[in-house]
Amino acid sequence: MSPTPDPRPEPPREPDAFACCGNECGEACVWTIYQHAQRRYALELEAWQLRQLEQED
């Protein structure tokens, strides 16, 4: 049986510079959402890298 595919996580796409409306939307701001996505991506990437190391053993 072949191993289950485990693709490397993809980083979130950065919003265009003009995507922010400038109305201080708080958690709904495209830049805040992007920052959350960046943190989630970093965690997913770290977990993926650990799985890759485990498969090498």
PDB file of N, CA and C in Angstrom:
ATOM      1  N   MET A   1       0.853  -1.189   0.000  1.00  0.00           N
ATOM      2  CA  MET A   1       0.000   0.000   0.000  1.00  0.00           C
ATOM      3  C   MET A   1       0.893   1.245   0.000  1.00  0.00           C
ATOM      4  N   SER A   2       0.586   2.205  -0.842  1.00  0.00           N
ATOM      5  CA  SER A   2       1.398   3.414  -0.943  1.00  0.00           C
ATOM      6  C   SER A   2       1.050   4.389   0.182  1.00  0.00           C
ATOM      7  N   PRO A   3       2.048   5.195   0.607  1.00  0.00           N
ATOM      8  CA  PRO A   3       1.787   6.155   1.680  1.00  0.00           C
ATOM      9  C   PRO A   3       0.777   7.221   1.252  1.00  0.00           C
ATOM     10  N   THR A   4       0.083   7.755   2.227  1.00  0.00           N
ATOM     11  CA  THR A   4      -0.886   8.821   1.970  1.00  0.00           C
ATOM     12  C   THR A   4      -0.139  10.084   1.558  1.00  0.00           C
ATOM     13  N   PRO A   5      -0.585  10.745   0.473  1.00  0.00           N
ATOM     14  CA  PRO A   5       0.086  11.985   0.071  1.00  0.00           C
ATOM     15  C   PRO A   5       0.040  13.019   1.199  1.00  0.00           C
ATOM     16  N   ASP A   6       1.128  13.706   1.374  1.00  0.00           N
ATOM     17  CA  ASP A   6       1.222  14.733   2.417  1.00  0.00           C
ATOM     18  C   ASP A   6       1.891  15.959   1.796  1.00  0.00           C
ATOM     19  N   PRO A   7       1.129  16.714   0.995  1.00  0.00           N
ATOM     20  CA  PRO A   7       1.742  17.868   0.328  1.00  0.00           C
ATOM     21  C   PRO A   7       2.148  18.954   1.310  1.00  0.00           C
ATOM     22  N   ARG A   8       3.185  19.672   0.935  1.00  0.00           N
ATOM     23  CA  ARG A   8       3.655  20.801   1.743  1.00  0.00           C
ATOM     24  C   ARG A   8       2.559  21.872   1.783  1.00  0.00           C
ATOM     25  N   PRO A   9       2.294  22.444   2.947  1.00  0.00           N
ATOM     26  CA  PRO A   9       1.285  23.509   3.028  1.00  0.00           C
ATOM     27  C   PRO A   9       1.667  24.700   2.142  1.00  0.00           C
ATOM     28  N   GLU A  10       0.672  25.340   1.615  1.00  0.00           N
ATOM     29  CA  GLU A  10       0.877  26.525   0.777  1.00  0.00           C
ATOM     30  C   GLU A  10       0.715  27.777   1.636  1.00  0.00           C
ATOM     31  N   PRO A  11       1.594  28.741   1.468  1.00  0.00           N
ATOM     32  CA  PRO A  11       1.449  29.987   2.230  1.00  0.00           C
ATOM     33  C   PRO A  11       0.213  30.759   1.765  1.00  0.00           C
ATOM     34  N   PRO A  12      -0.363  31.547   2.662  1.00  0.00           N
ATOM     35  CA  PRO A  12      -1.517  32.351   2.252  1.00  0.00           C
ATOM     36  C   PRO A  12      -1.088  33.432   1.264  1.00  0.00           C
ATOM     37  N   ARG A  13      -2.013  33.797   0.424  1.00  0.00           N
ATOM     38  CA  ARG A  13      -1.740  34.851  -0.562  1.00  0.00           C
ATOM     39  C   ARG A  13      -1.870  36.208   0.115  1.00  0.00           C
ATOM     40  N   GLU A  14      -0.855  37.023  -0.040  1.00  0.00           N
ATOM     41  CA  GLU A  14      -0.871  38.367   0.558  1.00  0.00           C
ATOM     42  C   GLU A  14      -1.892  39.235  -0.165  1.00  0.00           C
ATOM     43  N   PRO A  15      -2.703  39.970   0.590  1.00  0.00           N
ATOM     44  CA  PRO A  15      -3.668  40.861  -0.054  1.00  0.00           C
ATOM     45  C   PRO A  15      -2.949  41.953  -0.858  1.00  0.00           C
ATOM     46  N   ASP A  16      -3.640  42.448  -1.859  1.00  0.00           N
ATOM     47  CA  ASP A  16      -3.100  43.577  -2.611  1.00  0.00           C
ATOM     48  C   ASP A  16      -2.989  44.783  -1.681  1.00  0.00           C
ATOM     49  N   ALA A  17      -2.059  45.658  -1.969  1.00  0.00           N
ATOM     50  CA  ALA A  17      -1.822  46.835  -1.123  1.00  0.00           C
ATOM     51  C   ALA A  17      -3.074  47.703  -0.972  1.00  0.00           C
ATOM     52  N   PHE A  18      -3.916  47.714  -1.983  1.00  0.00           N
ATOM     53  CA  PHE A  18      -5.112  48.562  -1.955  1.00  0.00           C
ATOM     54  C   PHE A  18      -6.337  47.834  -1.402  1.00  0.00           C
ATOM     55  N   ALA A  19      -6.170  46.588  -0.906  1.00  0.00           N
ATOM     56  CA  ALA A  19      -7.310  45.794  -0.438  1.00  0.00           C
ATOM     57  C   ALA A  19      -7.906  46.331   0.861  1.00  0.00           C
ATOM     58  N   CYS A  20      -7.101  47.013   1.659  1.00  0.00           N
ATOM     59  CA  CYS A  20      -7.591  47.563   2.924  1.00  0.00           C
ATOM     60  C   CYS A  20      -8.394  48.831   2.642  1.00  0.00           C
ATOM     61  N   CYS A  21      -9.562  48.913   3.280  1.00  0.00           N
ATOM     62  CA  CYS A  21     -10.411  50.082   3.058  1.00  0.00           C
ATOM     63  C   CYS A  21     -10.030  51.259   3.953  1.00  0.00           C
ATOM     64  N   GLY A  22      -9.210  50.994   4.997  1.00  0.00           N
ATOM     65  CA  GLY A  22      -8.773  52.068   5.882  1.00  0.00           C
ATOM     66  C   GLY A  22      -9.787  52.468   6.928  1.00  0.00           C
ATOM     67  N   ASN A  23     -10.825  51.665   7.121  1.00  0.00           N
ATOM     68  CA  ASN A  23     -11.868  51.991   8.093  1.00  0.00           C
ATOM     69  C   ASN A  23     -11.686  51.310   9.443  1.00  0.00           C
ATOM     70  N   GLU A  24     -10.474  50.840   9.718  1.00  0.00           N
ATOM     71  CA  GLU A  24     -10.181  50.177  10.989  1.00  0.00           C
ATOM     72  C   GLU A  24     -11.218  49.103  11.318  1.00  0.00           C
ATOM     73  N   CYS A  25     -11.265  48.085  10.485  1.00  0.00           N
ATOM     74  CA  CYS A  25     -12.261  47.013  10.597  1.00  0.00           C
ATOM     75  C   CYS A  25     -11.935  45.988  11.672  1.00  0.00           C
ATOM     76  N   GLY A  26     -10.805  46.137  12.360  1.00  0.00           N
ATOM     77  CA  GLY A  26     -10.457  45.202  13.421  1.00  0.00           C
ATOM     78  C   GLY A  26     -10.188  43.813  12.890  1.00  0.00           C
ATOM     79  N   GLU A  27     -10.875  42.818  13.449  1.00  0.00           N
ATOM     80  CA  GLU A  27     -10.667  41.424  13.064  1.00  0.00           C
ATOM     81  C   GLU A  27     -11.131  41.134  11.636  1.00  0.00           C
ATOM     82  N   ALA A  28     -11.936  41.999  11.053  1.00  0.00           N
ATOM     83  CA  ALA A  28     -12.429  41.791   9.698  1.00  0.00           C
ATOM     84  C   ALA A  28     -11.500  42.390   8.641  1.00  0.00           C
ATOM     85  N   CYS A  29     -10.454  43.093   9.064  1.00  0.00           N
ATOM     86  CA  CYS A  29      -9.525  43.718   8.123  1.00  0.00           C
ATOM     87  C   CYS A  29      -8.776  42.640   7.343  1.00  0.00           C
ATOM     88  N   VAL A  30      -8.584  42.853   6.064  1.00  0.00           N
ATOM     89  CA  VAL A  30      -7.884  41.869   5.242  1.00  0.00           C
ATOM     90  C   VAL A  30      -6.475  41.613   5.758  1.00  0.00           C
ATOM     91  N   TRP A  31      -5.836  42.619   6.340  1.00  0.00           N
ATOM     92  CA  TRP A  31      -4.481  42.441   6.867  1.00  0.00           C
ATOM     93  C   TRP A  31      -4.484  41.641   8.159  1.00  0.00           C
ATOM     94  N   THR A  32      -5.502  41.804   8.996  1.00  0.00           N
ATOM     95  CA  THR A  32      -5.620  41.005  10.209  1.00  0.00           C
ATOM     96  C   THR A  32      -5.877  39.551   9.846  1.00  0.00           C
ATOM     97  N   ILE A  33      -6.759  39.333   8.903  1.00  0.00           N
ATOM     98  CA  ILE A  33      -7.052  37.974   8.434  1.00  0.00           C
ATOM     99  C   ILE A  33      -5.794  37.338   7.854  1.00  0.00           C
ATOM    100  N   TYR A  34      -5.043  38.101   7.098  1.00  0.00           N
ATOM    101  CA  TYR A  34      -3.799  37.601   6.516  1.00  0.00           C
ATOM    102  C   TYR A  34      -2.789  37.240   7.607  1.00  0.00           C
ATOM    103  N   GLN A  35      -2.668  38.068   8.630  1.00  0.00           N
ATOM    104  CA  GLN A  35      -1.738  37.778   9.731  1.00  0.00           C
ATOM    105  C   GLN A  35      -2.119  36.485  10.447  1.00  0.00           C
ATOM    106  N   HIS A  36      -3.420  36.268  10.650  1.00  0.00           N
ATOM    107  CA  HIS A  36      -3.885  35.022  11.266  1.00  0.00           C
ATOM    108  C   HIS A  36      -3.535  33.835  10.357  1.00  0.00           C
ATOM    109  N   ALA A  37      -3.740  34.010   9.074  1.00  0.00           N
ATOM    110  CA  ALA A  37      -3.430  32.946   8.109  1.00  0.00           C
ATOM    111  C   ALA A  37      -1.932  32.651   8.089  1.00  0.00           C
ATOM    112  N   GLN A  38      -1.113  33.681   8.225  1.00  0.00           N
ATOM    113  CA  GLN A  38       0.342  33.498   8.262  1.00  0.00           C
ATOM    114  C   GLN A  38       0.748  32.666   9.484  1.00  0.00           C
ATOM    115  N   ARG A  39       0.157  32.959  10.636  1.00  0.00           N
ATOM    116  CA  ARG A  39       0.472  32.198  11.851  1.00  0.00           C
ATOM    117  C   ARG A  39       0.023  30.740  11.708  1.00  0.00           C
ATOM    118  N   ARG A  40      -1.174  30.545  11.159  1.00  0.00           N
ATOM    119  CA  ARG A  40      -1.681  29.192  10.945  1.00  0.00           C
ATOM    120  C   ARG A  40      -0.778  28.430   9.976  1.00  0.00           C
ATOM    121  N   TYR A  41      -0.345  29.106   8.906  1.00  0.00           N
ATOM    122  CA  TYR A  41       0.564  28.496   7.937  1.00  0.00           C
ATOM    123  C   TYR A  41       1.878  28.092   8.598  1.00  0.00           C
ATOM    124  N   ALA A  42       2.430  28.944   9.443  1.00  0.00           N
ATOM    125  CA  ALA A  42       3.698  28.634  10.120  1.00  0.00           C
ATOM    126  C   ALA A  42       3.552  27.371  10.969  1.00  0.00           C
ATOM    127  N   LEU A  43       2.432  27.229  11.670  1.00  0.00           N
ATOM    128  CA  LEU A  43       2.191  26.039  12.481  1.00  0.00           C
ATOM    129  C   LEU A  43       2.023  24.805  11.601  1.00  0.00           C
ATOM    130  N   GLU A  44       1.270  24.942  10.520  1.00  0.00           N
ATOM    131  CA  GLU A  44       1.059  23.819   9.606  1.00  0.00           C
ATOM    132  C   GLU A  44       2.367  23.398   8.947  1.00  0.00           C
ATOM    133  N   LEU A  45       3.200  24.371   8.585  1.00  0.00           N
ATOM    134  CA  LEU A  45       4.482  24.071   7.961  1.00  0.00           C
ATOM    135  C   LEU A  45       5.396  23.346   8.942  1.00  0.00           C
ATOM    136  N   GLU A  46       5.431  23.798  10.185  1.00  0.00           N
ATOM    137  CA  GLU A  46       6.260  23.146  11.189  1.00  0.00           C
ATOM    138  C   GLU A  46       5.812  21.697  11.400  1.00  0.00           C
ATOM    139  N   ALA A  47       4.504  21.477  11.494  1.00  0.00           N
ATOM    140  CA  ALA A  47       3.982  20.122  11.664  1.00  0.00           C
ATOM    141  C   ALA A  47       4.330  19.257  10.454  1.00  0.00           C
ATOM    142  N   TRP A  48       4.223  19.805   9.257  1.00  0.00           N
ATOM    143  CA  TRP A  48       4.559  19.073   8.038  1.00  0.00           C
ATOM    144  C   TRP A  48       6.039  18.696   8.032  1.00  0.00           C
ATOM    145  N   GLN A  49       6.902  19.642   8.414  1.00  0.00           N
ATOM    146  CA  GLN A  49       8.336  19.375   8.434  1.00  0.00           C
ATOM    147  C   GLN A  49       8.670  18.252   9.421  1.00  0.00           C
ATOM    148  N   LEU A  50       8.012  18.249  10.565  1.00  0.00           N
ATOM    149  CA  LEU A  50       8.224  17.177  11.543  1.00  0.00           C
ATOM    150  C   LEU A  50       7.785  15.835  10.976  1.00  0.00           C
ATOM    151  N   ARG A  51       6.659  15.817  10.268  1.00  0.00           N
ATOM    152  CA  ARG A  51       6.198  14.561   9.663  1.00  0.00           C
ATOM    153  C   ARG A  51       7.205  14.063   8.628  1.00  0.00           C
ATOM    154  N   GLN A  52       7.807  14.990   7.883  1.00  0.00           N
ATOM    155  CA  GLN A  52       8.798  14.599   6.882  1.00  0.00           C
ATOM    156  C   GLN A  52      10.024  13.972   7.546  1.00  0.00           C
ATOM    157  N   LEU A  53      10.444  14.545   8.668  1.00  0.00           N
ATOM    158  CA  LEU A  53      11.584  13.988   9.407  1.00  0.00           C
ATOM    159  C   LEU A  53      11.253  12.593   9.932  1.00  0.00           C
ATOM    160  N   GLU A  54      10.038  12.412  10.419  1.00  0.00           N
ATOM    161  CA  GLU A  54       9.623  11.111  10.946  1.00  0.00           C
ATOM    162  C   GLU A  54       9.603  10.052   9.852  1.00  0.00           C
ATOM    163  N   GLN A  55       9.229  10.441   8.638  1.00  0.00           N
ATOM    164  CA  GLN A  55       9.175   9.489   7.528  1.00  0.00           C
ATOM    165  C   GLN A  55      10.575   9.058   7.090  1.00  0.00           C
ATOM    166  N   GLU A  56      11.577   9.905   7.322  1.00  0.00           N
ATOM    167  CA  GLU A  56      12.933   9.581   6.948  1.00  0.00           C
ATOM    168  C   GLU A  56      13.534   8.502   7.843  1.00  0.00           C
ATOM    169  N   ASP A  57      13.041   8.410   9.077  1.00  0.00           N
ATOM    170  CA  ASP A  57      13.593   7.433  10.032  1.00  0.00           C
ATOM    171  C   ASP A  57      13.216   6.024   9.691  1.00  0.00           C
TER     172      ASP A  57
END
